[in-house]
Amino acid sequence: MLLSKLLQTSRTPLQRSLATFSKDSKRFYKDVDVVKTNAGYQVTLDNKFNVRTPSRQLLVLPTETIANAVAVEWDSQRKNIIFALMPLTYLCFKATDQPIENEELVEHMLEFLRTDTVCYRAGPEEEQLHSMENNRWNPLTNWFSEHYHVHLALTTDITLTPQPEQTISSIRSHLLKQHPWALPAYHHSTTSLKSLVIAMAMLDGGLSAEEAIACSSLESDYQIDRWGEVEWQHTLDRARLSADVAAAVLLVNELRSMSGDQLQAWS
């Protein structure tokens, strides 16, 4: 949902390419299974159809856990196949088709870092929000700075406060070292959480998925506490965000559980 809204309001080639996913359609199958092949794991529908990507490539998955989780997404569809509710399938499609160069994905993520939510704080005149942000975000930004050996520029000013070029360069290098199958997970987490700092901390061991969602939702939760919420909307948005980040965490963790030789086969 968040990604689709972003894509609809932008005309960059990167975002147009990301939008080319797949159209929802009627469910045409009854059974979903996982089959092990010499190449890896495949998801089959009614033991006749192998799941394929939007570019018509066979979807071959590196681990049984990933394949089973993708199969659960397909089996969970009801009358219609709704790809917005299949975040792990989405990530695996992107990892397989790779419609965007890795360098371009990384540069798009760095745009979030340049104006990252957690680096822009409420001023002391907004005492409650100021305190909430510092209490929840300071441990995060401290971890980020120490873990990646970078400096994050924090501000209470509404004008643009640039991040140091050394910070941008270091994070770029870190992201480019990630496995090609992991990069879509980093990118999707960044756009979903609306923060590269939160996404990287979640995927690199600084935050749990629940903590990442809490950090990302702090300001909206504050506004809801003050003004109330649209009935059901907040719960639905939170559920979708939870599914998105859970898919990213599962994919990255599974890749990290593979041996070097196994990972090389999937590069």
C-alpha atoms as a PDB file:
ATOM      1  CA  MET A   1       0.000   0.000   0.000  1.00  0.00           C
ATOM      2  CA  LEU A   2       2.694   2.484   0.981  1.00  0.00           C
ATOM      3  CA  LEU A   3       4.831   1.508  -1.988  1.00  0.00           C
ATOM      4  CA  SER A   4       1.937   1.808  -4.426  1.00  0.00           C
ATOM      5  CA  LYS A   5       1.074   5.277  -3.117  1.00  0.00           C
ATOM      6  CA  LEU A   6       4.694   6.313  -3.549  1.00  0.00           C
ATOM      7  CA  LEU A   7       4.802   4.977  -7.081  1.00  0.00           C
ATOM      8  CA  GLN A   8       1.570   6.693  -8.070  1.00  0.00           C
ATOM      9  CA  THR A   9       2.904  10.100  -7.084  1.00  0.00           C
ATOM     10  CA  SER A  10       6.273   9.841  -8.809  1.00  0.00           C
ATOM     11  CA  ARG A  11       7.404   9.662 -12.398  1.00  0.00           C
ATOM     12  CA  THR A  12      11.008   8.534 -12.063  1.00  0.00           C
ATOM     13  CA  PRO A  13      12.077   5.559 -14.215  1.00  0.00           C
ATOM     14  CA  LEU A  14      12.925   3.597 -11.075  1.00  0.00           C
ATOM     15  CA  GLN A  15       9.473   3.943  -9.597  1.00  0.00           C
ATOM     16  CA  ARG A  16       7.713   3.258 -12.895  1.00  0.00           C
ATOM     17  CA  SER A  17       9.693   0.028 -13.174  1.00  0.00           C
ATOM     18  CA  LEU A  18       8.882  -0.965  -9.619  1.00  0.00           C
ATOM     19  CA  ALA A  19       5.200  -0.431 -10.356  1.00  0.00           C
ATOM     20  CA  THR A  20       5.297  -3.106 -13.082  1.00  0.00           C
ATOM     21  CA  PHE A  21       4.440  -5.966 -10.786  1.00  0.00           C
ATOM     22  CA  SER A  22       1.348  -7.937 -11.742  1.00  0.00           C
ATOM     23  CA  LYS A  23      -2.376  -7.494 -11.987  1.00  0.00           C
ATOM     24  CA  ASP A  24      -4.712  -9.079  -9.492  1.00  0.00           C
ATOM     25  CA  SER A  25      -6.774 -11.927 -10.948  1.00  0.00           C
ATOM     26  CA  LYS A  26      -9.259 -14.599 -10.024  1.00  0.00           C
ATOM     27  CA  ARG A  27      -7.900 -17.550  -8.076  1.00  0.00           C
ATOM     28  CA  PHE A  28      -7.735 -20.391 -10.617  1.00  0.00           C
ATOM     29  CA  TYR A  29      -6.111 -23.126  -8.492  1.00  0.00           C
ATOM     30  CA  LYS A  30      -7.072 -25.264  -5.514  1.00  0.00           C
ATOM     31  CA  ASP A  31      -3.851 -26.748  -4.133  1.00  0.00           C
ATOM     32  CA  VAL A  32      -0.440 -25.187  -3.486  1.00  0.00           C
ATOM     33  CA  ASP A  33       2.689 -27.266  -2.994  1.00  0.00           C
ATOM     34  CA  VAL A  34       6.461 -26.879  -2.745  1.00  0.00           C
ATOM     35  CA  VAL A  35       8.697 -29.013  -4.938  1.00  0.00           C
ATOM     36  CA  LYS A  36      12.448 -29.463  -4.516  1.00  0.00           C
ATOM     37  CA  THR A  37      14.427 -29.461  -7.757  1.00  0.00           C
ATOM     38  CA  ASN A  38      18.114 -29.491  -8.638  1.00  0.00           C
ATOM     39  CA  ALA A  39      17.936 -25.719  -9.024  1.00  0.00           C
ATOM     40  CA  GLY A  40      16.156 -25.000  -5.738  1.00  0.00           C
ATOM     41  CA  TYR A  41      12.572 -24.907  -4.514  1.00  0.00           C
ATOM     42  CA  GLN A  42       9.536 -24.140  -6.664  1.00  0.00           C
ATOM     43  CA  VAL A  43       5.920 -23.403  -5.775  1.00  0.00           C
ATOM     44  CA  THR A  44       3.357 -25.331  -7.797  1.00  0.00           C
ATOM     45  CA  LEU A  45      -0.365 -24.774  -8.241  1.00  0.00           C
ATOM     46  CA  ASP A  46      -2.526 -27.878  -8.580  1.00  0.00           C
ATOM     47  CA  ASN A  47       0.674 -29.822  -9.374  1.00  0.00           C
ATOM     48  CA  LYS A  48       0.415 -28.423 -12.911  1.00  0.00           C
ATOM     49  CA  PHE A  49       1.496 -24.813 -12.880  1.00  0.00           C
ATOM     50  CA  ASN A  50       4.776 -23.472 -11.563  1.00  0.00           C
ATOM     51  CA  VAL A  51       4.615 -19.956 -10.188  1.00  0.00           C
ATOM     52  CA  ARG A  52       6.352 -17.572 -12.577  1.00  0.00           C
ATOM     53  CA  THR A  53       7.483 -13.984 -12.215  1.00  0.00           C
ATOM     54  CA  PRO A  54       5.979 -11.065 -14.161  1.00  0.00           C
ATOM     55  CA  SER A  55       8.762 -11.513 -16.756  1.00  0.00           C
ATOM     56  CA  ARG A  56       7.708 -15.181 -17.092  1.00  0.00           C
ATOM     57  CA  GLN A  57      10.763 -16.621 -15.362  1.00  0.00           C
ATOM     58  CA  LEU A  58      10.284 -19.666 -13.171  1.00  0.00           C
ATOM     59  CA  LEU A  59      10.263 -18.635  -9.524  1.00  0.00           C
ATOM     60  CA  VAL A  60      13.051 -20.733  -8.012  1.00  0.00           C
ATOM     61  CA  LEU A  61      13.687 -20.129  -4.315  1.00  0.00           C
ATOM     62  CA  PRO A  62      16.891 -20.672  -2.358  1.00  0.00           C
ATOM     63  CA  THR A  63      15.558 -22.287   0.830  1.00  0.00           C
ATOM     64  CA  GLU A  64      12.651 -24.490   1.822  1.00  0.00           C
ATOM     65  CA  THR A  65      11.571 -21.984   4.473  1.00  0.00           C
ATOM     66  CA  ILE A  66      11.248 -19.189   1.902  1.00  0.00           C
ATOM     67  CA  ALA A  67       9.401 -21.523  -0.470  1.00  0.00           C
ATOM     68  CA  ASN A  68       6.960 -22.647   2.217  1.00  0.00           C
ATOM     69  CA  ALA A  69       6.263 -19.036   3.208  1.00  0.00           C
ATOM     70  CA  VAL A  70       5.620 -18.064  -0.420  1.00  0.00           C
ATOM     71  CA  ALA A  71       3.318 -21.073  -0.765  1.00  0.00           C
ATOM     72  CA  VAL A  72       1.370 -19.951   2.298  1.00  0.00           C
ATOM     73  CA  GLU A  73       0.808 -16.557   0.661  1.00  0.00           C
ATOM     74  CA  TRP A  74      -0.578 -18.201  -2.474  1.00  0.00           C
ATOM     75  CA  ASP A  75      -2.713 -20.607  -0.465  1.00  0.00           C
ATOM     76  CA  SER A  76      -4.085 -17.742   1.647  1.00  0.00           C
ATOM     77  CA  GLN A  77      -5.692 -16.056  -1.359  1.00  0.00           C
ATOM     78  CA  ARG A  78      -9.448 -16.397  -1.537  1.00  0.00           C
ATOM     79  CA  LYS A  79     -11.586 -15.607  -4.588  1.00  0.00           C
ATOM     80  CA  ASN A  80      -9.003 -13.212  -5.973  1.00  0.00           C
ATOM     81  CA  ILE A  81      -5.208 -13.257  -6.054  1.00  0.00           C
ATOM     82  CA  ILE A  82      -4.312  -9.950  -4.419  1.00  0.00           C
ATOM     83  CA  PHE A  83      -0.614  -9.319  -4.862  1.00  0.00           C
ATOM     84  CA  ALA A  84      -0.639  -6.453  -2.368  1.00  0.00           C
ATOM     85  CA  LEU A  85      -1.230  -9.109   0.291  1.00  0.00           C
ATOM     86  CA  MET A  86       1.725 -11.232  -0.859  1.00  0.00           C
ATOM     87  CA  PRO A  87       4.814  -9.276   0.247  1.00  0.00           C
ATOM     88  CA  LEU A  88       7.263 -12.179   0.225  1.00  0.00           C
ATOM     89  CA  THR A  89       6.162 -13.237  -3.253  1.00  0.00           C
ATOM     90  CA  TYR A  90       6.671  -9.619  -4.325  1.00  0.00           C
ATOM     91  CA  LEU A  91      10.225  -9.562  -2.946  1.00  0.00           C
ATOM     92  CA  CYS A  92      11.118 -12.881  -4.563  1.00  0.00           C
ATOM     93  CA  PHE A  93       9.706 -11.726  -7.895  1.00  0.00           C
ATOM     94  CA  LYS A  94      11.879  -8.610  -7.714  1.00  0.00           C
ATOM     95  CA  ALA A  95      14.944 -10.581  -6.685  1.00  0.00           C
ATOM     96  CA  THR A  96      14.444 -12.940  -9.636  1.00  0.00           C
ATOM     97  CA  ASP A  97      13.578 -10.422 -12.347  1.00  0.00           C
ATOM     98  CA  GLN A  98      15.890  -7.662 -11.061  1.00  0.00           C
ATOM     99  CA  PRO A  99      14.254  -4.956 -13.215  1.00  0.00           C
ATOM    100  CA  ILE A 100      16.295  -2.294 -11.437  1.00  0.00           C
ATOM    101  CA  GLU A 101      20.080  -2.138 -11.202  1.00  0.00           C
ATOM    102  CA  ASN A 102      21.383  -2.592  -7.675  1.00  0.00           C
ATOM    103  CA  GLU A 103      23.103   0.782  -7.772  1.00  0.00           C
ATOM    104  CA  GLU A 104      19.836   2.515  -8.624  1.00  0.00           C
ATOM    105  CA  LEU A 105      17.991   0.765  -5.799  1.00  0.00           C
ATOM    106  CA  VAL A 106      20.696   1.877  -3.378  1.00  0.00           C
ATOM    107  CA  GLU A 107      20.582   5.479  -4.577  1.00  0.00           C
ATOM    108  CA  HIS A 108      16.830   5.521  -4.097  1.00  0.00           C
ATOM    109  CA  MET A 109      17.264   4.297  -0.519  1.00  0.00           C
ATOM    110  CA  LEU A 110      19.879   6.971   0.143  1.00  0.00           C
ATOM    111  CA  GLU A 111      17.296   9.631  -0.720  1.00  0.00           C
ATOM    112  CA  PHE A 112      15.413   8.484   2.390  1.00  0.00           C
ATOM    113  CA  LEU A 113      18.575   8.812   4.481  1.00  0.00           C
ATOM    114  CA  ARG A 114      19.076  12.404   3.356  1.00  0.00           C
ATOM    115  CA  THR A 115      15.723  13.369   4.906  1.00  0.00           C
ATOM    116  CA  ASP A 116      15.253  10.507   7.335  1.00  0.00           C
ATOM    117  CA  THR A 117      12.284  10.770   9.677  1.00  0.00           C
ATOM    118  CA  VAL A 118      14.270   9.898  12.796  1.00  0.00           C
ATOM    119  CA  CYS A 119      16.738  12.722  12.151  1.00  0.00           C
ATOM    120  CA  TYR A 120      14.059  15.435  12.205  1.00  0.00           C
ATOM    121  CA  ARG A 121      12.666  15.965  15.700  1.00  0.00           C
ATOM    122  CA  ALA A 122       9.974  18.120  17.223  1.00  0.00           C
ATOM    123  CA  GLY A 123      11.282  21.171  19.058  1.00  0.00           C
ATOM    124  CA  PRO A 124      11.225  21.467  22.862  1.00  0.00           C
ATOM    125  CA  GLU A 125       8.099  23.638  22.606  1.00  0.00           C
ATOM    126  CA  GLU A 126       6.232  20.432  21.658  1.00  0.00           C
ATOM    127  CA  GLU A 127       7.222  18.883  24.946  1.00  0.00           C
ATOM    128  CA  GLN A 128       5.368  15.577  24.784  1.00  0.00           C
ATOM    129  CA  LEU A 129       6.296  14.705  21.198  1.00  0.00           C
ATOM    130  CA  HIS A 130       9.861  15.946  21.704  1.00  0.00           C
ATOM    131  CA  SER A 131      10.244  13.628  24.684  1.00  0.00           C
ATOM    132  CA  MET A 132       8.661  10.654  22.898  1.00  0.00           C
ATOM    133  CA  GLU A 133      10.941  11.041  19.881  1.00  0.00           C
ATOM    134  CA  ASN A 134      14.089  11.353  21.946  1.00  0.00           C
ATOM    135  CA  ASN A 135      13.197   8.388  24.141  1.00  0.00           C
ATOM    136  CA  ARG A 136      12.410   6.094  21.239  1.00  0.00           C
ATOM    137  CA  TRP A 137      14.712   7.375  18.512  1.00  0.00           C
ATOM    138  CA  ASN A 138      17.892   8.276  20.401  1.00  0.00           C
ATOM    139  CA  PRO A 139      18.797   4.628  21.146  1.00  0.00           C
ATOM    140  CA  LEU A 140      18.181   3.864  17.470  1.00  0.00           C
ATOM    141  CA  THR A 141      20.332   6.666  16.053  1.00  0.00           C
ATOM    142  CA  ASN A 142      23.056   5.921  18.611  1.00  0.00           C
ATOM    143  CA  TRP A 143      23.075   2.252  17.547  1.00  0.00           C
ATOM    144  CA  PHE A 144      23.136   3.218  13.873  1.00  0.00           C
ATOM    145  CA  SER A 145      26.083   5.577  14.332  1.00  0.00           C
ATOM    146  CA  GLU A 146      28.081   3.058  16.343  1.00  0.00           C
ATOM    147  CA  HIS A 147      27.255   0.032  14.204  1.00  0.00           C
ATOM    148  CA  TYR A 148      28.100   1.632  10.851  1.00  0.00           C
ATOM    149  CA  HIS A 149      30.744   4.055  12.203  1.00  0.00           C
ATOM    150  CA  VAL A 150      28.976   7.114  10.820  1.00  0.00           C
ATOM    151  CA  HIS A 151      27.635  10.421  12.104  1.00  0.00           C
ATOM    152  CA  LEU A 152      23.943  11.249  11.759  1.00  0.00           C
ATOM    153  CA  ALA A 153      22.978  14.913  11.712  1.00  0.00           C
ATOM    154  CA  LEU A 154      19.927  15.419  13.953  1.00  0.00           C
ATOM    155  CA  THR A 155      17.862  18.594  13.955  1.00  0.00           C
ATOM    156  CA  THR A 156      14.694  20.237  15.219  1.00  0.00           C
ATOM    157  CA  ASP A 157      14.749  22.605  12.240  1.00  0.00           C
ATOM    158  CA  ILE A 158      12.136  22.077   9.516  1.00  0.00           C
ATOM    159  CA  THR A 159      14.611  23.124   6.804  1.00  0.00           C
ATOM    160  CA  LEU A 160      16.788  20.522   5.103  1.00  0.00           C
ATOM    161  CA  THR A 161      19.781  19.467   7.183  1.00  0.00           C
ATOM    162  CA  PRO A 162      22.214  17.530   4.966  1.00  0.00           C
ATOM    163  CA  GLN A 163      23.775  14.326   6.178  1.00  0.00           C
ATOM    164  CA  PRO A 164      27.595  14.253   5.972  1.00  0.00           C
ATOM    165  CA  GLU A 165      28.855  12.952   2.646  1.00  0.00           C
ATOM    166  CA  GLN A 166      31.049  10.483   4.519  1.00  0.00           C
ATOM    167  CA  THR A 167      27.905   9.028   6.093  1.00  0.00           C
ATOM    168  CA  ILE A 168      26.185   8.749   2.710  1.00  0.00           C
ATOM    169  CA  SER A 169      29.268   7.116   1.200  1.00  0.00           C
ATOM    170  CA  SER A 170      29.673   4.601   4.033  1.00  0.00           C
ATOM    171  CA  ILE A 171      26.024   3.532   3.936  1.00  0.00           C
ATOM    172  CA  ARG A 172      26.154   3.277   0.149  1.00  0.00           C
ATOM    173  CA  SER A 173      29.128   0.915   0.414  1.00  0.00           C
ATOM    174  CA  HIS A 174      27.372  -1.185   3.046  1.00  0.00           C
ATOM    175  CA  LEU A 175      24.227  -1.554   0.948  1.00  0.00           C
ATOM    176  CA  LEU A 176      26.110  -2.409  -2.231  1.00  0.00           C
ATOM    177  CA  LYS A 177      27.770  -5.297  -0.379  1.00  0.00           C
ATOM    178  CA  GLN A 178      24.399  -6.905   0.321  1.00  0.00           C
ATOM    179  CA  HIS A 179      23.364  -9.990  -1.596  1.00  0.00           C
ATOM    180  CA  PRO A 180      21.298  -9.151  -4.711  1.00  0.00           C
ATOM    181  CA  TRP A 181      18.359 -11.082  -3.270  1.00  0.00           C
ATOM    182  CA  ALA A 182      18.550  -9.045  -0.043  1.00  0.00           C
ATOM    183  CA  LEU A 183      18.485  -5.619  -1.679  1.00  0.00           C
ATOM    184  CA  PRO A 184      14.762  -5.727  -2.594  1.00  0.00           C
ATOM    185  CA  ALA A 185      14.060  -6.484   1.079  1.00  0.00           C
ATOM    186  CA  TYR A 186      16.126  -3.484   2.197  1.00  0.00           C
ATOM    187  CA  HIS A 187      14.407  -1.282  -0.352  1.00  0.00           C
ATOM    188  CA  HIS A 188      10.882  -2.445   0.428  1.00  0.00           C
ATOM    189  CA  SER A 189      11.497  -2.077   4.172  1.00  0.00           C
ATOM    190  CA  THR A 190      12.785   1.445   3.634  1.00  0.00           C
ATOM    191  CA  THR A 191       9.764   2.557   1.621  1.00  0.00           C
ATOM    192  CA  SER A 192       7.326   0.801   3.959  1.00  0.00           C
ATOM    193  CA  LEU A 193       8.865   2.150   7.171  1.00  0.00           C
ATOM    194  CA  LYS A 194       9.628   5.489   5.474  1.00  0.00           C
ATOM    195  CA  SER A 195      13.125   5.434   6.961  1.00  0.00           C
ATOM    196  CA  LEU A 196      16.400   3.896   5.845  1.00  0.00           C
ATOM    197  CA  VAL A 197      17.767   4.196   9.388  1.00  0.00           C
ATOM    198  CA  ILE A 198      14.908   2.124  10.818  1.00  0.00           C
ATOM    199  CA  ALA A 199      14.982  -0.399   7.966  1.00  0.00           C
ATOM    200  CA  MET A 200      18.718  -1.043   8.202  1.00  0.00           C
ATOM    201  CA  ALA A 201      18.603  -1.325  11.987  1.00  0.00           C
ATOM    202  CA  MET A 202      15.797  -3.874  11.696  1.00  0.00           C
ATOM    203  CA  LEU A 203      17.524  -5.986   9.044  1.00  0.00           C
ATOM    204  CA  ASP A 204      21.018  -5.727  10.558  1.00  0.00           C
ATOM    205  CA  GLY A 205      20.143  -6.652  14.129  1.00  0.00           C
ATOM    206  CA  GLY A 206      19.540  -3.357  15.911  1.00  0.00           C
ATOM    207  CA  LEU A 207      15.740  -3.580  16.166  1.00  0.00           C
ATOM    208  CA  SER A 208      13.076  -6.244  16.147  1.00  0.00           C
ATOM    209  CA  ALA A 209      10.323  -5.919  13.556  1.00  0.00           C
ATOM    210  CA  GLU A 210       7.922  -4.773  16.285  1.00  0.00           C
ATOM    211  CA  GLU A 211      10.368  -2.121  17.483  1.00  0.00           C
ATOM    212  CA  ALA A 212      10.916  -0.936  13.917  1.00  0.00           C
ATOM    213  CA  ILE A 213       7.178  -0.501  13.390  1.00  0.00           C
ATOM    214  CA  ALA A 214       6.892   1.376  16.688  1.00  0.00           C
ATOM    215  CA  CYS A 215       9.702   3.727  15.656  1.00  0.00           C
ATOM    216  CA  SER A 216       8.190   4.286  12.228  1.00  0.00           C
ATOM    217  CA  SER A 217       4.684   4.894  13.587  1.00  0.00           C
ATOM    218  CA  LEU A 218       5.622   7.165  16.486  1.00  0.00           C
ATOM    219  CA  GLU A 219       4.399  10.440  15.014  1.00  0.00           C
ATOM    220  CA  SER A 220       1.209   8.981  13.558  1.00  0.00           C
ATOM    221  CA  ASP A 221       0.477   7.241  16.864  1.00  0.00           C
ATOM    222  CA  TYR A 222       0.967  10.561  18.634  1.00  0.00           C
ATOM    223  CA  GLN A 223      -1.507  12.267  16.304  1.00  0.00           C
ATOM    224  CA  ILE A 224      -4.029   9.440  16.736  1.00  0.00           C
ATOM    225  CA  ASP A 225      -3.753   9.737  20.512  1.00  0.00           C
ATOM    226  CA  ARG A 226      -4.568  13.430  20.190  1.00  0.00           C
ATOM    227  CA  TRP A 227      -7.190  13.463  17.464  1.00  0.00           C
ATOM    228  CA  GLY A 228      -8.433   9.904  17.094  1.00  0.00           C
ATOM    229  CA  GLU A 229      -8.267   7.630  14.071  1.00  0.00           C
ATOM    230  CA  VAL A 230     -10.310   6.653  11.055  1.00  0.00           C
ATOM    231  CA  GLU A 231     -12.154   3.510  12.105  1.00  0.00           C
ATOM    232  CA  TRP A 232     -10.302   0.331  11.048  1.00  0.00           C
ATOM    233  CA  GLN A 233      -7.822   2.227   8.867  1.00  0.00           C
ATOM    234  CA  HIS A 234      -5.035   2.381  11.417  1.00  0.00           C
ATOM    235  CA  THR A 235      -5.400  -1.325  12.236  1.00  0.00           C
ATOM    236  CA  LEU A 236      -5.374  -2.259   8.554  1.00  0.00           C
ATOM    237  CA  ASP A 237      -2.324  -0.117   7.795  1.00  0.00           C
ATOM    238  CA  ARG A 238      -0.455  -1.576  10.768  1.00  0.00           C
ATOM    239  CA  ALA A 239      -1.300  -5.134   9.690  1.00  0.00           C
ATOM    240  CA  ARG A 240      -0.017  -4.513   6.171  1.00  0.00           C
ATOM    241  CA  LEU A 241       3.153  -2.898   7.483  1.00  0.00           C
ATOM    242  CA  SER A 242       3.705  -5.855   9.805  1.00  0.00           C
ATOM    243  CA  ALA A 243       3.377  -8.272   6.890  1.00  0.00           C
ATOM    244  CA  ASP A 244       5.751  -6.221   4.740  1.00  0.00           C
ATOM    245  CA  VAL A 245       8.531  -6.059   7.310  1.00  0.00           C
ATOM    246  CA  ALA A 246       8.067  -9.687   8.373  1.00  0.00           C
ATOM    247  CA  ALA A 247       8.601 -10.782   4.769  1.00  0.00           C
ATOM    248  CA  ALA A 248      11.754  -8.689   4.493  1.00  0.00           C
ATOM    249  CA  VAL A 249      13.168 -10.009   7.765  1.00  0.00           C
ATOM    250  CA  LEU A 250      12.452 -13.620   6.809  1.00  0.00           C
ATOM    251  CA  LEU A 251      14.121 -13.252   3.407  1.00  0.00           C
ATOM    252  CA  VAL A 252      17.262 -11.550   4.755  1.00  0.00           C
ATOM    253  CA  ASN A 253      17.632 -13.956   7.675  1.00  0.00           C
ATOM    254  CA  GLU A 254      17.255 -16.980   5.427  1.00  0.00           C
ATOM    255  CA  LEU A 255      19.903 -15.663   3.055  1.00  0.00           C
ATOM    256  CA  ARG A 256      22.267 -15.142   5.966  1.00  0.00           C
ATOM    257  CA  SER A 257      21.721 -18.725   7.081  1.00  0.00           C
ATOM    258  CA  MET A 258      23.096 -20.022   3.773  1.00  0.00           C
ATOM    259  CA  SER A 259      26.722 -20.965   3.226  1.00  0.00           C
ATOM    260  CA  GLY A 260      29.021 -18.906   1.036  1.00  0.00           C
ATOM    261  CA  ASP A 261      28.838 -21.402  -1.818  1.00  0.00           C
ATOM    262  CA  GLN A 262      25.044 -21.502  -1.630  1.00  0.00           C
ATOM    263  CA  LEU A 263      24.835 -17.705  -1.679  1.00  0.00           C
ATOM    264  CA  GLN A 264      27.181 -17.511  -4.662  1.00  0.00           C
ATOM    265  CA  ALA A 265      24.810 -19.736  -6.625  1.00  0.00           C
ATOM    266  CA  TRP A 266      22.067 -17.157  -6.111  1.00  0.00           C
ATOM    267  CA  SER A 267      24.099 -14.061  -7.035  1.00  0.00           C
END
